[in-house]
């Protein structure tokens, strides 16, 4: 079967003049797009039904978003910014590792198993390969999150609090430890999410393993030598 060409995004509509009434219609379309795209995906969402629910007209949608693909891109950009960007601002670079990593880890796991986080991930996996610009934007968002943790780990390593050969690699490994099986199980609807006490327990366990490993410390003789 021949490979389908990627869907092209329309040109930016930022230069379209907009009134207060037009802004309200534009926001209504975006809000309804968020509901329908995250629930039904890109292909199954009817643009005519979306416009009917949001009010306005197809002309309004094409005027401000250029079409279905442009509206989908705008919706995914909004959700990505709301869900991921706050994580890049969590914590102080001077927080001890146990505090910083638990705070970041709990926020990330809570997002991963939240209803909107699960819906966003499902649509992202199903549709991103058709939208190169969406791939790039989400990649940049995750890159910012990795950079945030890498900078923190670099600072802690420089202070002697931790010892790591590759802080960027360690940042990615930490996020995978936090995600664990919970995200996949919730995305597949095999688990309804996690209660707050379980999020707390899983993250604390992952942070301990990340910082201290699981090898037993060598026993020492009274004179300080290892047995």
Protein backbone atom coordinates (compact mmCIF):
# COMPACT_ATOMS: atom_id res chain seq x y z
CA UNK A 1 0.00 0.00 0.00
CA UNK A 2 1.53 3.39 -0.96
CA UNK A 3 2.41 5.64 1.94
CA UNK A 4 -0.01 8.51 2.42
CA UNK A 5 1.58 11.96 2.17
CA UNK A 6 1.61 13.97 5.40
CA UNK A 7 -1.23 16.39 5.95
CA UNK A 8 -0.08 19.92 5.23
CA UNK A 9 -0.93 22.62 7.71
CA UNK A 10 -2.46 25.79 6.35
CA UNK A 11 -0.63 29.05 6.54
CA UNK A 12 -0.83 30.93 9.81
CA UNK A 13 -4.06 32.85 10.34
CA UNK A 14 -2.49 35.27 12.83
CA UNK A 15 -2.93 38.17 10.40
CA UNK A 16 -6.73 37.75 10.18
CA UNK A 17 -8.46 40.81 11.73
CA UNK A 18 -10.69 39.81 14.64
CA UNK A 19 -13.42 41.55 16.61
CA UNK A 20 -14.53 40.77 20.16
CA UNK A 21 -17.42 38.76 18.76
CA UNK A 22 -15.07 36.98 16.40
CA UNK A 23 -12.70 36.18 19.26
CA UNK A 24 -15.58 34.61 21.20
CA UNK A 25 -16.51 32.44 18.20
CA UNK A 26 -12.89 31.50 17.68
CA UNK A 27 -12.56 30.40 21.32
CA UNK A 28 -15.85 28.48 21.12
CA UNK A 29 -14.55 26.53 18.13
CA UNK A 30 -11.30 25.76 19.94
CA UNK A 31 -13.12 24.62 23.08
CA UNK A 32 -15.39 22.29 21.12
CA UNK A 33 -12.41 21.04 19.12
CA UNK A 34 -10.69 20.15 22.38
CA UNK A 35 -13.67 18.13 23.51
CA UNK A 36 -14.31 16.32 20.22
CA UNK A 37 -10.75 15.72 19.01
CA UNK A 38 -9.59 14.34 22.37
CA UNK A 39 -12.61 12.08 22.59
CA UNK A 40 -12.92 10.95 18.98
CA UNK A 41 -9.55 11.56 17.38
CA UNK A 42 -8.85 13.50 14.19
CA UNK A 43 -10.37 11.26 11.53
CA UNK A 44 -13.62 10.49 13.36
CA UNK A 45 -14.36 14.10 14.26
CA UNK A 46 -16.92 15.65 11.91
CA UNK A 47 -16.07 19.26 11.25
CA UNK A 48 -19.73 20.00 10.43
CA UNK A 49 -20.86 18.57 13.77
CA UNK A 50 -18.11 20.48 15.56
CA UNK A 51 -19.28 23.77 14.03
CA UNK A 52 -22.90 22.95 14.87
CA UNK A 53 -22.03 22.37 18.53
CA UNK A 54 -19.80 25.42 18.81
CA UNK A 55 -22.07 27.77 16.88
CA UNK A 56 -20.87 29.95 14.04
CA UNK A 57 -20.19 28.59 10.60
CA UNK A 58 -17.68 26.75 8.45
CA UNK A 59 -16.68 30.14 7.07
CA UNK A 60 -15.70 31.23 10.59
CA UNK A 61 -13.61 28.09 11.09
CA UNK A 62 -11.79 28.53 7.78
CA UNK A 63 -11.33 32.24 8.42
CA UNK A 64 -9.52 31.78 11.73
CA UNK A 65 -7.99 28.30 11.48
CA UNK A 66 -7.73 27.58 7.77
CA UNK A 67 -9.58 24.27 8.05
CA UNK A 68 -9.80 21.11 10.11
CA UNK A 69 -6.04 20.50 10.22
CA UNK A 70 -5.34 24.05 11.42
CA UNK A 71 -7.97 23.76 14.15
CA UNK A 72 -6.52 20.42 15.27
CA UNK A 73 -3.03 21.91 15.41
CA UNK A 74 -4.25 24.89 17.47
CA UNK A 75 -6.08 22.58 19.87
CA UNK A 76 -3.08 20.30 20.39
CA UNK A 77 -0.81 23.32 20.89
CA UNK A 78 -3.14 24.67 23.58
CA UNK A 79 -3.40 21.34 25.41
CA UNK A 80 0.34 20.74 25.17
CA UNK A 81 1.12 24.15 26.64
CA UNK A 82 -1.39 23.73 29.47
CA UNK A 83 -0.26 20.24 30.41
CA UNK A 84 3.50 20.25 29.88
CA UNK A 85 4.76 23.82 30.23
CA UNK A 86 3.94 24.13 33.98
CA UNK A 87 6.19 21.12 34.67
CA UNK A 88 9.21 23.06 33.38
CA UNK A 89 8.69 25.67 36.12
CA UNK A 90 8.40 23.36 39.11
CA UNK A 91 10.86 23.52 41.95
CA UNK A 92 13.90 25.58 42.82
CA UNK A 93 17.38 24.71 41.60
CA UNK A 94 18.45 24.92 45.26
CA UNK A 95 15.97 22.30 46.48
CA UNK A 96 17.58 19.07 47.72
CA UNK A 97 17.20 16.17 45.26
CA UNK A 98 14.65 14.30 47.38
CA UNK A 99 12.37 17.36 47.40
CA UNK A 100 12.83 18.47 43.78
CA UNK A 101 12.48 15.01 42.26
CA UNK A 102 9.42 14.04 44.30
CA UNK A 103 7.65 17.29 43.40
CA UNK A 104 8.42 16.94 39.69
CA UNK A 105 7.71 13.21 39.65
CA UNK A 106 4.33 13.51 41.35
CA UNK A 107 3.23 16.25 38.97
CA UNK A 108 4.30 14.20 35.94
CA UNK A 109 2.67 10.95 37.08
CA UNK A 110 -0.50 12.78 38.09
CA UNK A 111 -0.63 14.25 34.58
CA UNK A 112 0.10 10.93 32.88
CA UNK A 113 -2.87 9.18 34.49
CA UNK A 114 -5.31 12.11 34.43
CA UNK A 115 -8.26 11.86 32.02
CA UNK A 116 -7.06 14.75 29.85
CA UNK A 117 -3.46 13.57 29.92
CA UNK A 118 -4.55 10.11 28.79
CA UNK A 119 -6.75 11.54 26.02
CA UNK A 120 -3.95 13.81 24.81
CA UNK A 121 -1.49 10.90 24.70
CA UNK A 122 -3.93 8.66 22.81
CA UNK A 123 -4.55 11.30 20.14
CA UNK A 124 -0.85 12.17 19.96
CA UNK A 125 0.16 8.56 19.33
CA UNK A 126 -2.64 8.02 16.80
CA UNK A 127 -2.25 11.24 14.81
CA UNK A 128 1.21 12.77 15.23
CA UNK A 129 2.80 10.81 12.38
CA UNK A 130 0.50 12.67 9.96
CA UNK A 131 1.41 16.11 11.33
CA UNK A 132 5.15 16.87 11.13
CA UNK A 133 4.70 20.28 12.77
CA UNK A 134 2.85 18.69 15.68
CA UNK A 135 5.66 16.17 16.08
CA UNK A 136 8.19 18.98 16.23
CA UNK A 137 6.18 21.07 18.69
CA UNK A 138 5.59 18.20 21.11
CA UNK A 139 9.22 17.18 20.76
CA UNK A 140 10.26 20.69 21.77
CA UNK A 141 7.92 20.59 24.79
CA UNK A 142 9.35 17.30 26.03
CA UNK A 143 12.82 18.63 25.28
CA UNK A 144 12.14 21.63 27.52
CA UNK A 145 11.08 19.28 30.32
CA UNK A 146 14.20 17.16 29.90
CA UNK A 147 16.34 20.31 29.82
CA UNK A 148 14.72 21.55 33.05
CA UNK A 149 15.70 18.39 34.90
CA UNK A 150 19.11 18.19 33.23
CA UNK A 151 20.01 21.70 34.39
CA UNK A 152 18.97 20.78 37.92
CA UNK A 153 21.01 17.56 37.88
CA UNK A 154 24.03 19.44 36.48
CA UNK A 155 23.80 21.91 39.34
CA UNK A 156 23.49 19.18 41.95
CA UNK A 157 26.40 17.26 40.44
CA UNK A 158 28.55 20.40 40.47
CA UNK A 159 27.78 20.86 44.16
CA UNK A 160 28.76 17.27 44.96
CA UNK A 161 25.26 16.25 46.06
CA UNK A 162 25.02 13.60 43.34
CA UNK A 163 27.39 11.87 40.92
CA UNK A 164 26.29 11.22 37.32
CA UNK A 165 28.21 10.57 34.12
CA UNK A 166 25.46 11.82 31.79
CA UNK A 167 22.84 14.07 33.35
CA UNK A 168 20.69 14.30 30.21
CA UNK A 169 20.52 10.53 29.91
CA UNK A 170 19.73 10.31 33.62
CA UNK A 171 16.90 12.83 33.21
CA UNK A 172 15.27 10.67 30.53
CA UNK A 173 15.71 7.55 32.65
CA UNK A 174 14.09 9.31 35.61
CA UNK A 175 11.02 10.23 33.58
CA UNK A 176 10.66 6.63 32.39
CA UNK A 177 10.89 5.40 35.99
CA UNK A 178 8.16 7.83 37.01
CA UNK A 179 5.91 6.87 34.11
CA UNK A 180 6.35 3.17 34.86
CA UNK A 181 3.52 0.89 33.69
CA UNK A 182 0.81 3.27 34.91
CA UNK A 183 0.58 5.42 31.78
CA UNK A 184 0.27 2.47 29.39
CA UNK A 185 -2.31 0.74 31.59
CA UNK A 186 -4.47 3.87 31.78
CA UNK A 187 -4.11 4.61 28.05
CA UNK A 188 -5.27 1.05 27.32
CA UNK A 189 -8.15 1.47 29.79
CA UNK A 190 -6.82 -1.42 31.86
CA UNK A 191 -6.57 0.80 34.93
CA UNK A 192 -8.84 3.72 35.90
CA UNK A 193 -6.01 5.94 37.10
CA UNK A 194 -4.17 6.19 40.39
CA UNK A 195 -5.35 7.53 43.74
CA UNK A 196 -3.24 10.26 45.24
CA UNK A 197 -1.69 8.04 47.92
CA UNK A 198 -0.54 5.57 45.24
CA UNK A 199 0.97 8.38 43.16
CA UNK A 200 2.85 9.54 46.25
CA UNK A 201 4.09 6.02 47.07
CA UNK A 202 5.17 5.17 43.50
CA UNK A 203 7.07 8.41 43.03
CA UNK A 204 8.88 8.17 46.37
CA UNK A 205 9.91 4.62 45.52
CA UNK A 206 11.19 5.69 42.09
CA UNK A 207 13.12 8.64 43.56
CA UNK A 208 14.80 6.41 46.15
CA UNK A 209 15.79 3.94 43.44
CA UNK A 210 17.05 6.75 41.17
CA UNK A 211 19.15 8.35 43.90
CA UNK A 212 20.42 5.35 45.82
CA UNK A 213 20.02 2.27 43.59
CA UNK A 214 19.11 -1.14 44.93
CA UNK A 215 22.51 -2.71 45.70
CA UNK A 216 23.20 -3.42 49.35
CA UNK A 217 25.90 -1.24 50.87
CA UNK A 218 29.00 -3.35 51.73
CA UNK A 219 29.28 -4.31 55.37
CA UNK A 220 32.33 -2.93 57.10
CA UNK A 221 34.58 -4.22 59.86
CA UNK A 222 35.15 -2.19 62.97
CA UNK A 223 38.41 -0.97 61.44
CA UNK A 224 36.59 0.35 58.38
CA UNK A 225 37.43 -2.37 55.86
CA UNK A 226 34.80 -4.12 53.76
CA UNK A 227 34.09 -7.74 54.68
